Amino acid sequence: MTKTDSRWSSPDEALGARVELTLAPTPLHALPRFSQEIGVEVWAKRDDIGPIGLLGNKVRKLEFLIADAQRMDANVLVTVGAVQSNHARTTACAAAMLGLRCVLILGGAESGTPSGNYLLDRLFGAEVELVAGAAWDELEPMLAKKCRDLEEDGQRPYLIPAGGSTPVGALGLARGYLELAEQLAARSLTPELIVHATSSGGTQAGLEVGRAILRGGPRILGVAVAKSPGVLEAEVAEIATNAARLAGLERTWGSGEVAIDHSQQGPAYGVPTDAGQAAIRLLARTEGILTDPVYSGKALAGLIDQGGSGSLRGPVVFWHTGGTPALFDSNLGPPLIE
């Protein structure tokens, strides 16, 4: 395992308080049949499975965010997202587990019987406010106003931005990187790259901080599913820099140090692509592992494209960030079954 900064007796010591919501470590699985198909050795870091509400990478962020909320004596978790937001669903589940009130502001409208993540939001008991036609830049001010309204009602809200992508939340993925490093060392694996879906930036920022704590390890490539080139890189760099400070690291990131593949996004966030749908089918039919059309399917398509170009030697770790419930949203197309 790569050496940790000598200021800490263990890597985990750097990251501070968290609420345990995962049964760590999440599995690291070899994908032999999938690897044979694409010509590169691939392993999957299975953040899609675990004890809390179909898991996903958002749980790692919530472990630190909810610890911060408890420190502030908050009794309501308030967050924002799309109707099929994995982060919103995971927040609702964590709140139910811990006996906290949860308020979700979701951009979208009712469209028949609830399905996918939206169904689970309601099942977990979250209070959902749907805002039809709202753009992302309109949802964040609504989130702040909702927190002010709750405070006026005598509640103690804890505001969580979209995706839980704050410096505090990013510490969860820094911890995840340290966890993966131990698994790789136990298998004598030295991957050249970690590939994952990126949208609000916190996951990639946290992985960068974990790599900085270890002073080395596999490089990180985010596959963008939202935001334009330049914007997302800058956001990842800012979150990583501030998260590193929380971990006691004097390390700054510039946009040029953040590697993001923008080729798989498609026409818009949440709109499936042919390449993403084909990637979902390939992994399902070779390994029996499910990915979703909004996040992990597009990231997987990016990995397949990299492998096909001959630019990867392998092994590669595909960080499965979850999102399975979106498979069951009938409003998402094109169809998975041909």
Protein backbone atom coordinates (compact mmCIF):
# COMPACT_ATOMS: atom_id res chain seq x y z
CA MET A 1 0.00 0.00 0.00
CA THR A 2 1.25 3.51 -0.76
CA LYS A 3 2.60 5.26 2.32
CA THR A 4 0.33 7.65 4.16
CA ASP A 5 1.38 11.16 5.15
CA SER A 6 3.48 10.66 8.29
CA ARG A 7 1.35 13.03 10.37
CA TRP A 8 -1.27 10.32 10.85
CA SER A 9 -0.91 6.87 12.38
CA SER A 10 -3.54 5.62 9.90
CA PRO A 11 -5.14 7.13 6.79
CA ASP A 12 -8.63 7.14 8.34
CA GLU A 13 -7.41 9.28 11.24
CA ALA A 14 -7.19 12.29 8.92
CA LEU A 15 -10.86 12.45 8.07
CA GLY A 16 -12.78 12.99 11.29
CA ALA A 17 -16.21 12.01 12.56
CA ARG A 18 -18.70 10.03 10.49
CA VAL A 19 -21.96 8.17 10.99
CA GLU A 20 -21.52 4.56 9.88
CA LEU A 21 -24.03 3.79 7.14
CA THR A 22 -22.02 1.29 5.09
CA LEU A 23 -20.65 -2.13 5.92
CA ALA A 24 -17.21 -1.21 4.65
CA PRO A 25 -15.35 -2.23 2.68
CA THR A 26 -17.71 -2.48 -0.25
CA PRO A 27 -16.64 -5.38 -2.50
CA LEU A 28 -13.98 -5.22 -5.20
CA HIS A 29 -15.01 -7.65 -7.93
CA ALA A 30 -13.08 -8.94 -10.92
CA LEU A 31 -15.02 -8.69 -14.20
CA PRO A 32 -13.41 -11.44 -16.32
CA ARG A 33 -16.08 -11.85 -19.00
CA PHE A 34 -16.62 -8.11 -19.39
CA SER A 35 -12.84 -7.60 -19.51
CA GLN A 36 -12.53 -10.15 -22.29
CA GLU A 37 -15.20 -8.34 -24.31
CA ILE A 38 -13.50 -4.94 -24.15
CA GLY A 39 -9.87 -6.11 -24.15
CA VAL A 40 -8.85 -4.51 -20.84
CA GLU A 41 -8.70 -6.05 -17.35
CA VAL A 42 -11.44 -4.36 -15.30
CA TRP A 43 -12.36 -4.60 -11.62
CA ALA A 44 -15.51 -3.07 -10.12
CA LYS A 45 -15.61 -1.20 -6.81
CA ARG A 46 -19.16 -2.06 -5.80
CA ASP A 47 -20.52 1.03 -4.10
CA ASP A 48 -23.89 0.02 -5.53
CA ILE A 49 -24.50 -2.69 -2.91
CA GLY A 50 -24.81 -2.51 0.86
CA PRO A 51 -27.14 -2.24 3.83
CA ILE A 52 -28.79 1.14 3.18
CA GLY A 53 -31.42 1.74 0.50
CA LEU A 54 -29.55 0.32 -2.54
CA LEU A 55 -26.45 2.22 -1.41
CA GLY A 56 -24.50 4.27 -4.00
CA ASN A 57 -21.58 6.66 -3.60
CA LYS A 58 -23.83 9.30 -2.03
CA VAL A 59 -23.91 7.28 1.19
CA ARG A 60 -20.20 7.86 1.69
CA LYS A 61 -20.79 11.61 1.57
CA LEU A 62 -23.77 11.36 3.92
CA GLU A 63 -21.71 9.56 6.56
CA PHE A 64 -19.72 12.77 7.04
CA LEU A 65 -22.52 15.22 6.29
CA ILE A 66 -24.87 13.68 8.84
CA ALA A 67 -22.09 13.60 11.44
CA ASP A 68 -21.75 17.35 10.80
CA ALA A 69 -25.54 17.77 11.06
CA GLN A 70 -25.53 15.95 14.40
CA ARG A 71 -22.72 18.18 15.64
CA MET A 72 -24.96 21.15 14.83
CA ASP A 73 -27.96 19.47 16.52
CA ALA A 74 -30.00 19.53 13.28
CA ASN A 75 -33.27 17.62 13.15
CA VAL A 76 -34.20 18.08 9.46
CA LEU A 77 -32.14 17.13 6.41
CA VAL A 78 -32.99 19.34 3.42
CA THR A 79 -31.64 18.73 -0.05
CA VAL A 80 -32.34 19.16 -3.74
CA GLY A 81 -32.11 17.16 -6.94
CA ALA A 82 -33.89 15.83 -10.00
CA VAL A 83 -36.94 13.58 -9.66
CA GLN A 84 -34.72 10.52 -10.11
CA SER A 85 -31.93 11.85 -7.87
CA ASN A 86 -29.87 9.10 -6.25
CA HIS A 87 -28.65 11.58 -3.68
CA ALA A 88 -32.19 12.59 -2.68
CA ARG A 89 -33.24 8.94 -2.33
CA THR A 90 -30.18 8.11 -0.23
CA THR A 91 -30.74 11.14 2.00
CA ALA A 92 -34.35 10.08 2.55
CA CYS A 93 -33.23 6.57 3.47
CA ALA A 94 -30.53 7.76 5.88
CA ALA A 95 -33.00 10.13 7.54
CA ALA A 96 -35.47 7.28 8.04
CA MET A 97 -32.75 5.12 9.59
CA LEU A 98 -31.70 7.84 12.01
CA GLY A 99 -35.13 9.21 12.91
CA LEU A 100 -34.63 12.57 11.20
CA ARG A 101 -37.14 14.55 9.19
CA CYS A 102 -36.26 14.84 5.49
CA VAL A 103 -37.41 17.48 3.01
CA LEU A 104 -36.62 17.06 -0.70
CA ILE A 105 -37.01 19.75 -3.35
CA LEU A 106 -37.02 17.97 -6.70
CA GLY A 107 -37.05 19.48 -10.16
CA GLY A 108 -39.79 17.81 -12.17
CA ALA A 109 -43.48 17.06 -12.28
CA GLU A 110 -45.79 14.16 -11.44
CA SER A 111 -45.98 11.70 -14.33
CA GLY A 112 -48.35 8.92 -13.37
CA THR A 113 -47.47 6.28 -10.81
CA PRO A 114 -44.25 7.06 -8.89
CA SER A 115 -41.32 4.90 -9.98
CA GLY A 116 -37.58 4.53 -9.48
CA ASN A 117 -35.92 6.80 -6.94
CA TYR A 118 -39.01 8.98 -6.61
CA LEU A 119 -41.04 5.99 -5.44
CA LEU A 120 -38.37 5.22 -2.85
CA ASP A 121 -38.28 8.85 -1.65
CA ARG A 122 -41.95 8.56 -0.80
CA LEU A 123 -41.58 5.09 0.67
CA PHE A 124 -38.86 6.30 3.04
CA GLY A 125 -41.23 9.01 4.29
CA ALA A 126 -39.55 12.09 2.85
CA GLU A 127 -41.56 15.27 2.37
CA VAL A 128 -41.25 15.92 -1.35
CA GLU A 129 -41.82 19.24 -3.09
CA LEU A 130 -41.89 18.93 -6.88
CA VAL A 131 -41.03 22.02 -8.91
CA ALA A 132 -41.99 21.60 -12.57
CA GLY A 133 -39.71 23.21 -15.12
CA ALA A 134 -37.12 24.43 -12.62
CA ALA A 135 -33.51 24.61 -13.79
CA TRP A 136 -30.64 23.67 -11.48
CA ASP A 137 -29.72 27.29 -10.81
CA GLU A 138 -33.31 27.88 -9.65
CA LEU A 139 -33.43 24.92 -7.26
CA GLU A 140 -30.53 25.96 -5.02
CA PRO A 141 -32.16 29.28 -3.95
CA MET A 142 -35.35 27.32 -3.19
CA LEU A 143 -33.29 25.07 -0.95
CA ALA A 144 -31.95 28.03 1.03
CA LYS A 145 -35.45 29.54 1.35
CA LYS A 146 -36.88 26.24 2.59
CA CYS A 147 -34.24 26.15 5.32
CA ARG A 148 -35.11 29.71 6.36
CA ASP A 149 -38.81 28.78 6.49
CA LEU A 150 -38.06 25.74 8.63
CA GLU A 151 -36.00 27.84 11.03
CA GLU A 152 -38.90 30.27 11.37
CA ASP A 153 -41.07 27.27 12.32
CA GLY A 154 -38.65 26.37 15.09
CA GLN A 155 -36.91 23.54 13.23
CA ARG A 156 -33.15 22.99 12.95
CA PRO A 157 -32.48 22.27 9.26
CA TYR A 158 -29.21 21.08 7.78
CA LEU A 159 -28.78 22.19 4.17
CA ILE A 160 -27.20 19.66 1.82
CA PRO A 161 -26.45 20.94 -1.72
CA ALA A 162 -27.09 18.85 -4.82
CA GLY A 163 -25.23 15.55 -4.70
CA GLY A 164 -23.91 16.22 -1.21
CA SER A 165 -20.92 17.74 -2.99
CA THR A 166 -19.33 19.83 -0.28
CA PRO A 167 -15.84 19.62 1.19
CA VAL A 168 -17.30 17.74 4.18
CA GLY A 169 -19.15 15.31 1.91
CA ALA A 170 -16.06 14.76 -0.24
CA LEU A 171 -14.24 13.32 2.78
CA GLY A 172 -16.43 10.24 2.37
CA LEU A 173 -14.87 9.47 -1.00
CA ALA A 174 -11.40 10.24 0.32
CA ARG A 175 -12.06 7.49 2.83
CA GLY A 176 -13.31 5.32 -0.03
CA TYR A 177 -10.02 5.78 -1.89
CA LEU A 178 -8.10 4.65 1.20
CA GLU A 179 -10.40 1.65 1.48
CA LEU A 180 -9.79 0.71 -2.15
CA ALA A 181 -6.02 1.07 -1.70
CA GLU A 182 -6.08 -1.56 1.04
CA GLN A 183 -8.10 -3.93 -1.16
CA LEU A 184 -5.72 -3.45 -4.07
CA ALA A 185 -2.70 -4.09 -1.86
CA ALA A 186 -4.25 -7.31 -0.55
CA ARG A 187 -4.60 -8.53 -4.15
CA SER A 188 -1.22 -7.16 -5.33
CA LEU A 189 -3.09 -5.12 -7.94
CA THR A 190 -1.69 -1.87 -9.37
CA PRO A 191 -4.42 -0.33 -11.58
CA GLU A 192 -3.49 2.53 -13.85
CA LEU A 193 -6.86 4.25 -13.59
CA ILE A 194 -10.12 4.62 -11.67
CA VAL A 195 -13.11 5.47 -13.88
CA HIS A 196 -16.38 6.80 -12.43
CA ALA A 197 -19.39 8.99 -13.23
CA THR A 198 -19.09 12.63 -12.24
CA SER A 199 -21.75 15.35 -12.11
CA SER A 200 -21.72 17.57 -9.02
CA GLY A 201 -17.99 17.02 -8.44
CA GLY A 202 -17.84 15.74 -4.85
CA THR A 203 -17.01 12.14 -5.67
CA GLN A 204 -14.07 13.01 -7.90
CA ALA A 205 -12.84 15.66 -5.45
CA GLY A 206 -12.89 13.16 -2.60
CA LEU A 207 -11.02 10.53 -4.59
CA GLU A 208 -8.37 13.13 -5.41
CA VAL A 209 -7.99 13.94 -1.71
CA GLY A 210 -7.65 10.25 -0.86
CA ARG A 211 -4.91 9.91 -3.45
CA ALA A 212 -3.18 12.96 -1.98
CA ILE A 213 -3.33 11.50 1.53
CA LEU A 214 -1.64 8.35 0.24
CA ARG A 215 0.80 10.38 -1.85
CA GLY A 216 0.11 8.23 -4.90
CA GLY A 217 -2.05 5.49 -6.35
CA PRO A 218 -4.25 5.01 -9.43
CA ARG A 219 -5.13 8.12 -11.40
CA ILE A 220 -8.76 9.23 -11.49
CA LEU A 221 -10.89 9.82 -14.57
CA GLY A 222 -14.39 11.19 -14.21
CA VAL A 223 -16.89 10.64 -17.01
CA ALA A 224 -19.17 13.68 -17.07
CA VAL A 225 -22.94 13.23 -17.10
CA ALA A 226 -23.67 16.93 -16.47
CA LYS A 227 -22.08 20.37 -16.81
CA SER A 228 -19.85 21.74 -19.52
CA PRO A 229 -16.09 21.36 -19.96
CA GLY A 230 -14.14 23.73 -17.75
CA VAL A 231 -17.02 24.34 -15.33
CA LEU A 232 -16.98 20.89 -13.76
CA GLU A 233 -13.17 20.74 -13.60
CA ALA A 234 -13.13 24.04 -11.70
CA GLU A 235 -15.77 22.82 -9.25
CA VAL A 236 -13.93 19.55 -8.57
CA ALA A 237 -10.69 21.46 -7.99
CA GLU A 238 -12.34 23.86 -5.53
CA ILE A 239 -14.08 21.11 -3.54
CA ALA A 240 -10.89 19.01 -3.42
CA THR A 241 -8.79 21.95 -2.23
CA ASN A 242 -11.21 22.77 0.59
CA ALA A 243 -11.71 19.11 1.55
CA ALA A 244 -7.94 18.66 1.74
CA ARG A 245 -7.76 21.53 4.22
CA LEU A 246 -10.33 19.76 6.42
CA ALA A 247 -8.04 16.71 6.34
CA GLY A 248 -5.05 18.84 7.33
CA LEU A 249 -3.43 18.81 3.89
CA GLU A 250 -1.85 21.92 2.39
CA ARG A 251 -2.66 20.89 -1.17
CA THR A 252 -4.42 22.86 -3.87
CA TRP A 253 -5.81 21.67 -7.20
CA GLY A 254 -6.11 23.58 -10.43
CA SER A 255 -8.65 22.78 -13.13
CA GLY A 256 -5.88 21.39 -15.33
CA GLU A 257 -5.15 18.65 -12.77
CA VAL A 258 -8.70 17.26 -12.95
CA ALA A 259 -9.23 14.63 -15.66
CA ILE A 260 -12.78 14.49 -17.04
CA ASP A 261 -14.12 12.81 -20.18
CA HIS A 262 -17.02 14.88 -21.57
CA SER A 263 -17.73 12.65 -24.57
CA GLN A 264 -20.51 10.55 -23.02
CA GLN A 265 -22.91 13.16 -21.64
CA GLY A 266 -25.31 13.12 -24.56
CA PRO A 267 -27.90 15.85 -25.21
CA ALA A 268 -28.57 16.62 -21.54
CA TYR A 269 -28.32 15.42 -17.97
CA GLY A 270 -30.65 12.50 -17.33
CA VAL A 271 -31.14 11.72 -21.02
CA PRO A 272 -29.90 8.19 -21.85
CA THR A 273 -27.57 7.63 -24.78
CA ASP A 274 -27.24 4.70 -27.17
CA ALA A 275 -23.66 4.08 -26.00
CA GLY A 276 -24.73 4.14 -22.36
CA GLN A 277 -27.60 1.74 -22.96
CA ALA A 278 -25.29 -0.64 -24.87
CA ALA A 279 -22.81 -0.53 -21.98
CA ILE A 280 -25.57 -1.38 -19.49
CA ARG A 281 -26.58 -4.39 -21.57
CA LEU A 282 -22.98 -5.60 -21.96
CA LEU A 283 -22.20 -5.56 -18.23
CA ALA A 284 -25.55 -7.12 -17.36
CA ARG A 285 -25.13 -9.94 -19.87
CA THR A 286 -21.47 -10.70 -19.09
CA GLU A 287 -21.38 -10.23 -15.30
CA GLY A 288 -24.98 -9.95 -14.08
CA ILE A 289 -24.26 -6.46 -12.67
CA LEU A 290 -26.75 -3.62 -13.18
CA THR A 291 -25.86 -0.05 -14.00
CA ASP A 292 -28.18 2.90 -14.65
CA PRO A 293 -28.79 5.13 -17.68
CA VAL A 294 -28.17 8.46 -15.91
CA TYR A 295 -24.79 7.90 -14.23
CA SER A 296 -22.96 4.58 -14.17
CA GLY A 297 -24.08 3.45 -17.63
CA LYS A 298 -22.53 6.54 -19.22
CA ALA A 299 -19.36 6.12 -17.16
CA LEU A 300 -19.14 2.51 -18.28
CA ALA A 301 -19.53 3.65 -21.90
CA GLY A 302 -16.60 5.99 -21.35
CA LEU A 303 -14.49 3.13 -20.02
CA ILE A 304 -15.42 0.93 -23.02
CA ASP A 305 -14.54 3.75 -25.40
CA GLN A 306 -11.15 4.23 -23.70
CA GLY A 307 -10.48 0.49 -23.93
CA GLY A 308 -11.43 0.38 -27.60
CA SER A 309 -9.08 3.25 -28.42
CA GLY A 310 -6.11 1.26 -27.15
CA SER A 311 -5.16 3.98 -24.66
CA LEU A 312 -5.56 1.69 -21.61
CA ARG A 313 -3.21 -1.10 -20.63
CA GLY A 314 -5.11 -2.05 -17.46
CA PRO A 315 -5.98 -3.08 -14.96
CA VAL A 316 -8.70 -0.46 -14.49
CA VAL A 317 -11.10 0.00 -11.59
CA PHE A 318 -14.66 0.94 -12.50
CA TRP A 319 -16.07 2.71 -9.44
CA HIS A 320 -19.74 1.73 -9.52
CA THR A 321 -21.50 4.73 -7.97
CA GLY A 322 -24.95 3.10 -7.91
CA GLY A 323 -28.17 4.44 -9.36
CA THR A 324 -29.96 1.16 -10.05
CA PRO A 325 -33.50 2.47 -9.27
CA ALA A 326 -33.41 4.66 -12.39
CA LEU A 327 -33.55 1.45 -14.44
CA PHE A 328 -37.17 1.16 -13.37
CA ASP A 329 -38.27 4.62 -14.48
CA SER A 330 -40.34 3.99 -17.59
CA ASN A 331 -39.95 7.63 -18.64
CA LEU A 332 -36.28 7.12 -19.46
CA GLY A 333 -35.42 5.93 -22.98
CA PRO A 334 -34.24 4.70 -25.45
CA PRO A 335 -35.32 1.23 -24.37
CA LEU A 336 -32.77 -1.11 -22.82
CA ILE A 337 -34.32 -4.22 -24.34
CA GLU A 338 -33.89 -4.39 -28.09
